[in-house]
Amino acid sequence: MENVNEKTWVNPYDECPVLETESFELRLVEKSDAADLLVCYSDEKAWEIFNADYCTSDFRYTARKQMEECIDFWLEAYAVKGFVRFSILDKKTKKAVGTAEMFGSLNIEKTEDYGVLRIDIASGYETEGYLAELIKLADGEFYSLFKVDGIVTKAVPIATGRTAALTKAGYKAYDAEPGRKDYYIKRRNNDE
């Protein structure tokens, strides 16, 4: 997999890339993902780990219509360059097992040099190995793609596999903003 670099950079809001790890393919969320994603977003074990900070929803859905409305919202946000919500597809089953959201400061006045990464995934995939794949992908692609110098993400204490994957990848505890709890950050050059 090639990394996005500055010479070939394409704004992800103009052309959303398809990215891959060993186990997953990530692409822009689609309305047709609703049934698959409902499995993740109705998973009570996964609910405990979701990062809904500063969101308009808690992402706890039990009906397909709720999931479809959420996908509509994500696609509307993408259209106005708010954030990119990728579906995480299991390469073996070809089903969406979660989503990853990323946004940087492409369309807003830059006050910080970081982007926020959210990973929502069904509890069966909430393992250190799977999360390490997704974090490695973010580290390899998202700094350049979203033009950020740091990536911030959340891992609540019960998410031990997530926390382990983040710390092994060089993420450090981050509490630089009021109201942010259980966040981790990694700088592009990881020299802080």
N, C-alpha and C. Protein backbone atom coordinates (compact mmCIF):
# COMPACT_ATOMS: atom_id res chain seq x y z
N MET A 1 0.85 -1.18 0.00
CA MET A 1 0.00 0.00 0.00
C MET A 1 0.89 1.23 0.00
N GLU A 2 0.66 2.12 -0.92
CA GLU A 2 1.43 3.35 -1.00
C GLU A 2 0.84 4.40 -0.08
N ASN A 3 1.71 5.19 0.51
CA ASN A 3 1.26 6.30 1.33
C ASN A 3 0.89 7.47 0.43
N VAL A 4 -0.11 8.21 0.87
CA VAL A 4 -0.44 9.45 0.20
C VAL A 4 0.72 10.40 0.45
N ASN A 5 1.23 11.07 -0.56
CA ASN A 5 2.30 12.03 -0.31
C ASN A 5 1.91 13.39 -0.85
N GLU A 6 2.69 14.36 -0.48
CA GLU A 6 2.34 15.74 -0.82
C GLU A 6 2.29 15.98 -2.33
N LYS A 7 3.12 15.29 -3.11
CA LYS A 7 3.17 15.53 -4.55
C LYS A 7 1.92 15.04 -5.26
N THR A 8 1.32 13.96 -4.75
CA THR A 8 0.15 13.39 -5.41
C THR A 8 -1.12 13.62 -4.60
N TRP A 9 -1.07 14.55 -3.66
CA TRP A 9 -2.19 14.77 -2.76
C TRP A 9 -3.45 15.13 -3.51
N VAL A 10 -4.53 14.47 -3.15
CA VAL A 10 -5.86 14.79 -3.65
C VAL A 10 -6.74 15.04 -2.43
N ASN A 11 -7.45 16.14 -2.44
CA ASN A 11 -8.33 16.47 -1.33
C ASN A 11 -9.32 15.32 -1.13
N PRO A 12 -9.36 14.71 0.07
CA PRO A 12 -10.23 13.56 0.29
C PRO A 12 -11.71 13.90 0.18
N TYR A 13 -12.05 15.20 0.20
CA TYR A 13 -13.44 15.61 0.02
C TYR A 13 -13.80 15.74 -1.46
N ASP A 14 -12.79 15.78 -2.32
CA ASP A 14 -13.03 15.78 -3.76
C ASP A 14 -13.04 14.36 -4.31
N GLU A 15 -12.17 13.54 -3.75
CA GLU A 15 -12.06 12.14 -4.17
C GLU A 15 -11.67 11.32 -2.95
N CYS A 16 -12.65 10.64 -2.37
CA CYS A 16 -12.37 9.87 -1.16
C CYS A 16 -11.59 8.61 -1.53
N PRO A 17 -10.44 8.40 -0.92
CA PRO A 17 -9.63 7.24 -1.27
C PRO A 17 -10.22 5.95 -0.70
N VAL A 18 -9.83 4.84 -1.30
CA VAL A 18 -10.09 3.52 -0.77
C VAL A 18 -8.75 3.04 -0.21
N LEU A 19 -8.75 2.65 1.05
CA LEU A 19 -7.52 2.28 1.75
C LEU A 19 -7.64 0.84 2.24
N GLU A 20 -6.50 0.17 2.39
CA GLU A 20 -6.54 -1.23 2.79
C GLU A 20 -5.52 -1.56 3.86
N THR A 21 -5.88 -2.52 4.70
CA THR A 21 -4.97 -3.18 5.61
C THR A 21 -5.02 -4.66 5.25
N GLU A 22 -4.35 -5.49 6.00
CA GLU A 22 -4.39 -6.92 5.73
C GLU A 22 -5.82 -7.47 5.84
N SER A 23 -6.57 -7.00 6.82
CA SER A 23 -7.91 -7.54 7.09
C SER A 23 -9.06 -6.68 6.58
N PHE A 24 -8.80 -5.39 6.33
CA PHE A 24 -9.89 -4.47 6.06
C PHE A 24 -9.69 -3.64 4.80
N GLU A 25 -10.82 -3.18 4.26
CA GLU A 25 -10.84 -2.15 3.23
C GLU A 25 -11.66 -1.01 3.80
N LEU A 26 -11.15 0.21 3.66
CA LEU A 26 -11.88 1.38 4.10
C LEU A 26 -12.24 2.21 2.89
N ARG A 27 -13.50 2.60 2.81
CA ARG A 27 -13.99 3.46 1.74
C ARG A 27 -15.11 4.32 2.31
N LEU A 28 -15.47 5.36 1.58
CA LEU A 28 -16.53 6.25 2.04
C LEU A 28 -17.79 5.44 2.37
N VAL A 29 -18.40 5.74 3.50
CA VAL A 29 -19.62 5.05 3.90
C VAL A 29 -20.68 5.20 2.81
N GLU A 30 -21.50 4.18 2.66
CA GLU A 30 -22.57 4.19 1.66
C GLU A 30 -23.89 3.82 2.33
N LYS A 31 -24.97 4.31 1.77
CA LYS A 31 -26.30 4.01 2.29
C LYS A 31 -26.53 2.49 2.35
N SER A 32 -25.97 1.76 1.39
CA SER A 32 -26.15 0.31 1.34
C SER A 32 -25.45 -0.41 2.49
N ASP A 33 -24.65 0.29 3.28
CA ASP A 33 -23.98 -0.31 4.43
C ASP A 33 -24.88 -0.39 5.67
N ALA A 34 -26.08 0.16 5.59
CA ALA A 34 -26.92 0.31 6.78
C ALA A 34 -27.16 -1.00 7.53
N ALA A 35 -27.54 -2.05 6.85
CA ALA A 35 -27.83 -3.32 7.55
C ALA A 35 -26.58 -3.86 8.23
N ASP A 36 -25.45 -3.83 7.55
CA ASP A 36 -24.20 -4.30 8.14
C ASP A 36 -23.80 -3.44 9.33
N LEU A 37 -23.86 -2.13 9.16
CA LEU A 37 -23.42 -1.24 10.24
C LEU A 37 -24.34 -1.29 11.45
N LEU A 38 -25.60 -1.63 11.23
CA LEU A 38 -26.51 -1.74 12.37
C LEU A 38 -26.03 -2.82 13.34
N VAL A 39 -25.37 -3.85 12.83
CA VAL A 39 -24.82 -4.89 13.72
C VAL A 39 -23.82 -4.26 14.69
N CYS A 40 -22.97 -3.38 14.18
CA CYS A 40 -22.00 -2.68 15.02
C CYS A 40 -22.69 -1.69 15.95
N TYR A 41 -23.55 -0.86 15.40
CA TYR A 41 -24.14 0.24 16.18
C TYR A 41 -25.30 -0.19 17.07
N SER A 42 -25.66 -1.48 17.05
CA SER A 42 -26.62 -2.01 18.02
C SER A 42 -25.92 -2.95 19.01
N ASP A 43 -24.61 -3.03 18.91
CA ASP A 43 -23.79 -3.90 19.75
C ASP A 43 -23.53 -3.21 21.09
N GLU A 44 -24.20 -3.68 22.14
CA GLU A 44 -24.10 -3.01 23.45
C GLU A 44 -22.68 -3.02 23.99
N LYS A 45 -21.89 -4.03 23.70
CA LYS A 45 -20.50 -4.05 24.15
C LYS A 45 -19.69 -2.97 23.44
N ALA A 46 -19.99 -2.74 22.18
CA ALA A 46 -19.28 -1.70 21.42
C ALA A 46 -19.69 -0.30 21.90
N TRP A 47 -20.94 -0.14 22.32
CA TRP A 47 -21.42 1.16 22.79
C TRP A 47 -20.52 1.75 23.87
N GLU A 48 -20.01 0.88 24.74
CA GLU A 48 -19.18 1.34 25.86
C GLU A 48 -17.88 1.98 25.41
N ILE A 49 -17.50 1.73 24.17
CA ILE A 49 -16.19 2.17 23.68
C ILE A 49 -16.30 3.32 22.67
N PHE A 50 -17.46 3.49 22.07
CA PHE A 50 -17.63 4.55 21.07
C PHE A 50 -17.24 5.91 21.63
N ASN A 51 -16.72 6.74 20.76
CA ASN A 51 -16.40 8.12 21.11
C ASN A 51 -17.46 9.03 20.48
N ALA A 52 -18.39 9.46 21.29
CA ALA A 52 -19.44 10.36 20.80
C ALA A 52 -19.24 11.78 21.32
N ASP A 53 -18.04 12.07 21.86
CA ASP A 53 -17.76 13.41 22.36
C ASP A 53 -17.97 14.44 21.24
N TYR A 54 -18.69 15.49 21.57
CA TYR A 54 -18.95 16.60 20.66
C TYR A 54 -19.74 16.17 19.42
N CYS A 55 -20.47 15.07 19.50
CA CYS A 55 -21.28 14.60 18.37
C CYS A 55 -22.76 14.89 18.64
N THR A 56 -23.55 14.78 17.60
CA THR A 56 -24.98 15.03 17.72
C THR A 56 -25.76 13.77 18.10
N SER A 57 -25.07 12.65 18.28
CA SER A 57 -25.71 11.38 18.59
C SER A 57 -24.79 10.58 19.50
N ASP A 58 -25.36 9.58 20.18
CA ASP A 58 -24.54 8.67 20.97
C ASP A 58 -24.23 7.39 20.21
N PHE A 59 -24.73 7.29 18.99
CA PHE A 59 -24.48 6.16 18.09
C PHE A 59 -24.98 4.83 18.65
N ARG A 60 -26.05 4.88 19.38
CA ARG A 60 -26.67 3.66 19.91
C ARG A 60 -27.98 3.46 19.15
N TYR A 61 -27.91 2.61 18.14
CA TYR A 61 -29.05 2.42 17.25
C TYR A 61 -29.57 0.99 17.34
N THR A 62 -30.88 0.86 17.25
CA THR A 62 -31.50 -0.46 17.28
C THR A 62 -32.40 -0.71 16.08
N ALA A 63 -32.56 0.27 15.22
CA ALA A 63 -33.42 0.13 14.05
C ALA A 63 -32.68 0.58 12.78
N ARG A 64 -32.95 -0.11 11.70
CA ARG A 64 -32.29 0.21 10.44
C ARG A 64 -32.54 1.66 10.02
N LYS A 65 -33.74 2.16 10.25
CA LYS A 65 -34.06 3.54 9.87
C LYS A 65 -33.13 4.52 10.59
N GLN A 66 -32.85 4.27 11.87
CA GLN A 66 -31.91 5.12 12.61
C GLN A 66 -30.53 5.09 11.96
N MET A 67 -30.10 3.90 11.57
CA MET A 67 -28.78 3.76 10.95
C MET A 67 -28.75 4.49 9.61
N GLU A 68 -29.80 4.35 8.83
CA GLU A 68 -29.87 5.04 7.53
C GLU A 68 -29.83 6.56 7.71
N GLU A 69 -30.55 7.06 8.71
CA GLU A 69 -30.53 8.51 8.97
C GLU A 69 -29.14 8.97 9.38
N CYS A 70 -28.46 8.16 10.16
CA CYS A 70 -27.10 8.50 10.57
C CYS A 70 -26.17 8.54 9.35
N ILE A 71 -26.29 7.55 8.48
CA ILE A 71 -25.47 7.53 7.26
C ILE A 71 -25.76 8.75 6.41
N ASP A 72 -27.03 9.11 6.30
CA ASP A 72 -27.38 10.34 5.55
C ASP A 72 -26.67 11.54 6.15
N PHE A 73 -26.65 11.64 7.48
CA PHE A 73 -25.97 12.75 8.15
C PHE A 73 -24.47 12.73 7.83
N TRP A 74 -23.85 11.55 7.91
CA TRP A 74 -22.42 11.45 7.61
C TRP A 74 -22.12 11.88 6.18
N LEU A 75 -22.97 11.47 5.24
CA LEU A 75 -22.75 11.85 3.84
C LEU A 75 -22.98 13.34 3.62
N GLU A 76 -23.93 13.93 4.34
CA GLU A 76 -24.13 15.37 4.26
C GLU A 76 -22.91 16.11 4.82
N ALA A 77 -22.37 15.63 5.92
CA ALA A 77 -21.17 16.24 6.50
C ALA A 77 -19.98 16.13 5.54
N TYR A 78 -19.89 15.01 4.87
CA TYR A 78 -18.82 14.82 3.88
C TYR A 78 -18.99 15.84 2.74
N ALA A 79 -20.22 16.02 2.28
CA ALA A 79 -20.48 16.93 1.15
C ALA A 79 -20.09 18.37 1.47
N VAL A 80 -20.18 18.77 2.75
CA VAL A 80 -19.80 20.13 3.14
C VAL A 80 -18.40 20.17 3.75
N LYS A 81 -17.65 19.09 3.55
CA LYS A 81 -16.25 18.99 3.98
C LYS A 81 -16.09 19.07 5.49
N GLY A 82 -17.02 18.46 6.21
CA GLY A 82 -16.94 18.44 7.66
C GLY A 82 -16.03 17.34 8.18
N PHE A 83 -16.22 16.14 7.67
CA PHE A 83 -15.38 14.99 8.04
C PHE A 83 -15.62 13.88 7.03
N VAL A 84 -14.72 12.91 7.05
CA VAL A 84 -14.88 11.72 6.21
C VAL A 84 -15.21 10.55 7.13
N ARG A 85 -16.29 9.87 6.85
CA ARG A 85 -16.66 8.66 7.60
C ARG A 85 -16.46 7.49 6.64
N PHE A 86 -15.45 6.69 6.94
CA PHE A 86 -15.15 5.50 6.15
C PHE A 86 -15.89 4.31 6.73
N SER A 87 -16.41 3.43 5.87
CA SER A 87 -16.88 2.13 6.33
C SER A 87 -15.66 1.22 6.40
N ILE A 88 -15.60 0.42 7.45
CA ILE A 88 -14.54 -0.57 7.61
C ILE A 88 -15.12 -1.91 7.16
N LEU A 89 -14.64 -2.41 6.02
CA LEU A 89 -15.16 -3.66 5.47
C LEU A 89 -14.21 -4.80 5.79
N ASP A 90 -14.74 -5.88 6.33
CA ASP A 90 -13.96 -7.09 6.55
C ASP A 90 -13.71 -7.69 5.17
N LYS A 91 -12.47 -7.88 4.79
CA LYS A 91 -12.13 -8.39 3.46
C LYS A 91 -12.66 -9.80 3.23
N LYS A 92 -12.75 -10.61 4.29
CA LYS A 92 -13.23 -11.99 4.12
C LYS A 92 -14.73 -12.05 3.92
N THR A 93 -15.48 -11.29 4.72
CA THR A 93 -16.94 -11.37 4.66
C THR A 93 -17.54 -10.34 3.72
N LYS A 94 -16.77 -9.31 3.36
CA LYS A 94 -17.22 -8.20 2.52
C LYS A 94 -18.31 -7.37 3.19
N LYS A 95 -18.42 -7.49 4.51
CA LYS A 95 -19.43 -6.74 5.26
C LYS A 95 -18.79 -5.59 6.02
N ALA A 96 -19.54 -4.51 6.18
CA ALA A 96 -19.08 -3.38 6.98
C ALA A 96 -19.21 -3.76 8.46
N VAL A 97 -18.09 -3.69 9.18
CA VAL A 97 -18.07 -4.10 10.59
C VAL A 97 -17.89 -2.90 11.52
N GLY A 98 -17.81 -1.72 10.94
CA GLY A 98 -17.65 -0.50 11.73
C GLY A 98 -17.32 0.66 10.83
N THR A 99 -16.95 1.77 11.45
CA THR A 99 -16.57 2.96 10.69
C THR A 99 -15.36 3.62 11.34
N ALA A 100 -14.67 4.38 10.52
CA ALA A 100 -13.59 5.24 11.01
C ALA A 100 -13.87 6.64 10.49
N GLU A 101 -13.81 7.61 11.37
CA GLU A 101 -14.02 9.00 10.98
C GLU A 101 -12.72 9.74 11.17
N MET A 102 -12.44 10.62 10.22
CA MET A 102 -11.25 11.47 10.35
C MET A 102 -11.58 12.84 9.82
N PHE A 103 -11.10 13.83 10.52
CA PHE A 103 -11.17 15.19 9.98
C PHE A 103 -9.96 15.95 10.44
N GLY A 104 -9.58 16.87 9.61
CA GLY A 104 -8.47 17.76 9.92
C GLY A 104 -8.95 19.18 9.78
N SER A 105 -8.08 20.02 9.32
CA SER A 105 -8.43 21.44 9.24
C SER A 105 -8.43 21.93 7.80
N LEU A 106 -8.85 21.07 6.86
CA LEU A 106 -8.83 21.46 5.45
C LEU A 106 -9.80 22.59 5.13
N ASN A 107 -10.91 22.62 5.83
CA ASN A 107 -11.96 23.56 5.45
C ASN A 107 -12.29 24.54 6.58
N ILE A 108 -11.46 24.57 7.61
CA ILE A 108 -11.72 25.48 8.72
C ILE A 108 -10.44 26.24 9.04
N GLU A 109 -10.61 27.33 9.76
CA GLU A 109 -9.43 28.09 10.18
C GLU A 109 -8.62 27.22 11.13
N LYS A 110 -7.37 27.08 10.85
CA LYS A 110 -6.52 26.17 11.62
C LYS A 110 -6.15 26.81 12.96
N THR A 111 -6.67 26.21 14.04
CA THR A 111 -6.31 26.67 15.37
C THR A 111 -5.44 25.63 16.07
N GLU A 112 -5.51 24.41 15.65
CA GLU A 112 -4.68 23.33 16.16
C GLU A 112 -4.13 22.59 14.95
N ASP A 113 -3.09 21.85 15.16
CA ASP A 113 -2.47 21.15 14.05
C ASP A 113 -2.77 19.66 14.06
N TYR A 114 -3.86 19.27 14.69
CA TYR A 114 -4.19 17.86 14.74
C TYR A 114 -5.54 17.58 14.09
N GLY A 115 -5.72 16.31 13.77
CA GLY A 115 -7.01 15.82 13.30
C GLY A 115 -7.53 14.82 14.32
N VAL A 116 -8.82 14.60 14.29
CA VAL A 116 -9.44 13.67 15.22
C VAL A 116 -9.84 12.40 14.48
N LEU A 117 -9.45 11.28 15.05
CA LEU A 117 -9.77 9.96 14.51
C LEU A 117 -10.75 9.27 15.45
N ARG A 118 -11.85 8.80 14.89
CA ARG A 118 -12.80 7.99 15.66
C ARG A 118 -12.86 6.63 14.98
N ILE A 119 -12.80 5.59 15.77
CA ILE A 119 -12.96 4.23 15.24
C ILE A 119 -14.08 3.57 16.03
N ASP A 120 -15.18 3.27 15.34
CA ASP A 120 -16.29 2.52 15.92
C ASP A 120 -16.27 1.16 15.24
N ILE A 121 -16.19 0.10 16.02
CA ILE A 121 -16.10 -1.23 15.42
C ILE A 121 -16.86 -2.23 16.29
N ALA A 122 -17.45 -3.23 15.66
CA ALA A 122 -18.20 -4.26 16.39
C ALA A 122 -17.29 -4.91 17.43
N SER A 123 -17.86 -5.30 18.54
CA SER A 123 -17.06 -5.78 19.67
C SER A 123 -16.19 -6.99 19.33
N GLY A 124 -16.59 -7.81 18.40
CA GLY A 124 -15.77 -8.95 18.00
C GLY A 124 -14.48 -8.54 17.32
N TYR A 125 -14.41 -7.31 16.85
CA TYR A 125 -13.22 -6.78 16.18
C TYR A 125 -12.43 -5.85 17.08
N GLU A 126 -12.91 -5.63 18.30
CA GLU A 126 -12.25 -4.72 19.24
C GLU A 126 -11.08 -5.47 19.90
N THR A 127 -10.11 -5.83 19.06
CA THR A 127 -8.94 -6.55 19.55
C THR A 127 -7.69 -5.73 19.24
N GLU A 128 -6.65 -5.99 19.99
CA GLU A 128 -5.41 -5.25 19.77
C GLU A 128 -4.90 -5.43 18.34
N GLY A 129 -4.99 -6.63 17.81
CA GLY A 129 -4.48 -6.89 16.46
C GLY A 129 -5.23 -6.12 15.39
N TYR A 130 -6.55 -6.20 15.40
CA TYR A 130 -7.34 -5.48 14.39
C TYR A 130 -7.17 -3.97 14.54
N LEU A 131 -7.18 -3.49 15.78
CA LEU A 131 -7.03 -2.05 15.99
C LEU A 131 -5.64 -1.58 15.61
N ALA A 132 -4.63 -2.40 15.84
CA ALA A 132 -3.28 -2.03 15.42
C ALA A 132 -3.21 -1.85 13.91
N GLU A 133 -3.92 -2.68 13.15
CA GLU A 133 -3.97 -2.52 11.69
C GLU A 133 -4.56 -1.17 11.31
N LEU A 134 -5.67 -0.82 11.95
CA LEU A 134 -6.35 0.44 11.63
C LEU A 134 -5.51 1.65 12.05
N ILE A 135 -4.86 1.55 13.19
CA ILE A 135 -4.01 2.65 13.67
C ILE A 135 -2.80 2.81 12.76
N LYS A 136 -2.21 1.70 12.34
CA LYS A 136 -1.07 1.76 11.41
C LYS A 136 -1.49 2.41 10.10
N LEU A 137 -2.68 2.07 9.62
CA LEU A 137 -3.20 2.69 8.40
C LEU A 137 -3.35 4.20 8.60
N ALA A 138 -3.95 4.60 9.71
CA ALA A 138 -4.13 6.04 9.99
C ALA A 138 -2.78 6.74 10.03
N ASP A 139 -1.82 6.12 10.72
CA ASP A 139 -0.48 6.71 10.82
C ASP A 139 0.18 6.84 9.44
N GLY A 140 -0.05 5.87 8.58
CA GLY A 140 0.59 5.88 7.27
C GLY A 140 -0.08 6.80 6.26
N GLU A 141 -1.35 7.08 6.45
CA GLU A 141 -2.11 7.82 5.43
C GLU A 141 -2.67 9.17 5.88
N PHE A 142 -3.16 9.25 7.11
CA PHE A 142 -4.01 10.38 7.48
C PHE A 142 -3.25 11.68 7.75
N TYR A 143 -1.99 11.62 8.17
CA TYR A 143 -1.26 12.86 8.37
C TYR A 143 -1.21 13.64 7.06
N SER A 144 -0.83 12.96 6.00
CA SER A 144 -0.72 13.63 4.70
C SER A 144 -2.07 13.90 4.08
N LEU A 145 -2.95 12.91 4.12
CA LEU A 145 -4.25 13.04 3.48
C LEU A 145 -5.05 14.21 4.05
N PHE A 146 -5.02 14.37 5.37
CA PHE A 146 -5.79 15.42 6.02
C PHE A 146 -4.95 16.63 6.42
N LYS A 147 -3.67 16.61 6.02
CA LYS A 147 -2.75 17.72 6.26
C LYS A 147 -2.72 18.13 7.73
N VAL A 148 -2.45 17.15 8.59
CA VAL A 148 -2.34 17.39 10.03
C VAL A 148 -0.96 16.95 10.50
N ASP A 149 -0.54 17.54 11.60
CA ASP A 149 0.74 17.17 12.21
C ASP A 149 0.57 16.22 13.38
N GLY A 150 -0.67 16.02 13.81
CA GLY A 150 -0.95 15.10 14.92
C GLY A 150 -2.31 14.47 14.74
N ILE A 151 -2.47 13.29 15.32
CA ILE A 151 -3.76 12.60 15.32
C ILE A 151 -4.13 12.35 16.78
N VAL A 152 -5.36 12.73 17.10
CA VAL A 152 -5.91 12.56 18.44
C VAL A 152 -7.05 11.54 18.35
N THR A 153 -7.08 10.62 19.29
CA THR A 153 -8.15 9.62 19.32
C THR A 153 -8.44 9.25 20.77
N LYS A 154 -9.58 8.63 20.99
CA LYS A 154 -10.00 8.31 22.34
C LYS A 154 -9.97 6.81 22.58
N ALA A 155 -9.59 6.43 23.79
CA ALA A 155 -9.65 5.04 24.22
C ALA A 155 -10.02 5.03 25.70
N VAL A 156 -11.24 4.63 26.00
CA VAL A 156 -11.67 4.57 27.39
C VAL A 156 -10.94 3.43 28.09
N PRO A 157 -10.80 3.49 29.42
CA PRO A 157 -10.00 2.49 30.13
C PRO A 157 -10.41 1.03 29.89
N ILE A 158 -11.70 0.75 29.69
CA ILE A 158 -12.10 -0.65 29.46
C ILE A 158 -11.68 -1.16 28.09
N ALA A 159 -11.27 -0.26 27.20
CA ALA A 159 -10.84 -0.65 25.85
C ALA A 159 -9.35 -1.03 25.89
N THR A 160 -9.04 -2.11 26.57
CA THR A 160 -7.64 -2.46 26.81
C THR A 160 -6.88 -2.80 25.52
N GLY A 161 -7.53 -3.47 24.58
CA GLY A 161 -6.87 -3.77 23.30
C GLY A 161 -6.56 -2.51 22.53
N ARG A 162 -7.48 -1.57 22.54
CA ARG A 162 -7.31 -0.29 21.85
C ARG A 162 -6.18 0.51 22.49
N THR A 163 -6.21 0.58 23.81
CA THR A 163 -5.17 1.32 24.53
C THR A 163 -3.79 0.71 24.27
N ALA A 164 -3.72 -0.62 24.27
CA ALA A 164 -2.45 -1.29 24.01
C ALA A 164 -1.97 -1.00 22.59
N ALA A 165 -2.86 -1.08 21.62
CA ALA A 165 -2.49 -0.81 20.23
C ALA A 165 -2.00 0.63 20.07
N LEU A 166 -2.67 1.56 20.72
CA LEU A 166 -2.27 2.97 20.62
C LEU A 166 -0.90 3.20 21.25
N THR A 167 -0.69 2.69 22.45
CA THR A 167 0.59 2.94 23.11
C THR A 167 1.74 2.25 22.38
N LYS A 168 1.50 1.06 21.85
CA LYS A 168 2.56 0.38 21.08
C LYS A 168 2.88 1.15 19.79
N ALA A 169 1.90 1.88 19.27
CA ALA A 169 2.13 2.67 18.05
C ALA A 169 2.73 4.04 18.36
N GLY A 170 2.96 4.34 19.63
CA GLY A 170 3.60 5.60 19.99
C GLY A 170 2.67 6.71 20.42
N TYR A 171 1.38 6.41 20.60
CA TYR A 171 0.44 7.43 21.08
C TYR A 171 0.66 7.65 22.57
N LYS A 172 0.47 8.90 22.99
CA LYS A 172 0.67 9.27 24.39
C LYS A 172 -0.61 9.92 24.92
N ALA A 173 -0.80 9.83 26.23
CA ALA A 173 -1.96 10.46 26.87
C ALA A 173 -2.01 11.93 26.50
N TYR A 174 -3.23 12.43 26.27
CA TYR A 174 -3.42 13.81 25.81
C TYR A 174 -4.53 14.44 26.62
N ASP A 175 -4.20 15.49 27.34
CA ASP A 175 -5.21 16.19 28.13
C ASP A 175 -5.09 17.70 27.97
N ALA A 176 -4.72 18.12 26.78
CA ALA A 176 -4.45 19.55 26.55
C ALA A 176 -5.71 20.40 26.44
N GLU A 177 -6.88 19.79 26.32
CA GLU A 177 -8.10 20.57 26.19
C GLU A 177 -9.07 20.24 27.30
N PRO A 178 -9.73 21.24 27.86
CA PRO A 178 -10.75 20.96 28.88
C PRO A 178 -11.85 20.08 28.29
N GLY A 179 -12.33 19.15 29.08
CA GLY A 179 -13.41 18.28 28.63
C GLY A 179 -12.95 17.04 27.89
N ARG A 180 -11.70 16.98 27.53
CA ARG A 180 -11.18 15.78 26.85
C ARG A 180 -10.62 14.84 27.91
N LYS A 181 -11.17 13.64 27.93
CA LYS A 181 -10.74 12.63 28.88
C LYS A 181 -10.51 11.34 28.12
N ASP A 182 -9.45 10.64 28.47
CA ASP A 182 -9.13 9.34 27.85
C ASP A 182 -8.69 9.49 26.39
N TYR A 183 -8.04 10.60 26.06
CA TYR A 183 -7.55 10.82 24.70
C TYR A 183 -6.06 10.54 24.61
N TYR A 184 -5.65 10.21 23.40
CA TYR A 184 -4.26 9.93 23.07
C TYR A 184 -3.89 10.72 21.84
N ILE A 185 -2.61 11.09 21.71
CA ILE A 185 -2.14 11.85 20.56
C ILE A 185 -0.82 11.28 20.07
N LYS A 186 -0.64 11.39 18.77
CA LYS A 186 0.65 11.05 18.17
C LYS A 186 0.95 12.11 17.14
N ARG A 187 2.13 12.71 17.25
CA ARG A 187 2.59 13.71 16.29
C ARG A 187 3.20 13.01 15.10
N ARG A 188 3.14 13.65 13.96
CA ARG A 188 3.70 13.08 12.72
C ARG A 188 5.14 12.63 12.92
N ASN A 189 5.94 13.45 13.56
CA ASN A 189 7.34 13.10 13.79
C ASN A 189 7.55 12.43 15.13
N ASN A 190 6.50 12.35 15.93
CA ASN A 190 6.49 11.68 17.22
C ASN A 190 7.69 12.06 18.10
N ASP A 191 8.03 13.34 18.06
CA ASP A 191 9.17 13.78 18.86
C ASP A 191 8.75 14.53 20.12
N GLU A 192 7.48 14.50 20.44
CA GLU A 192 7.03 15.18 21.66
C GLU A 192 6.71 14.16 22.74
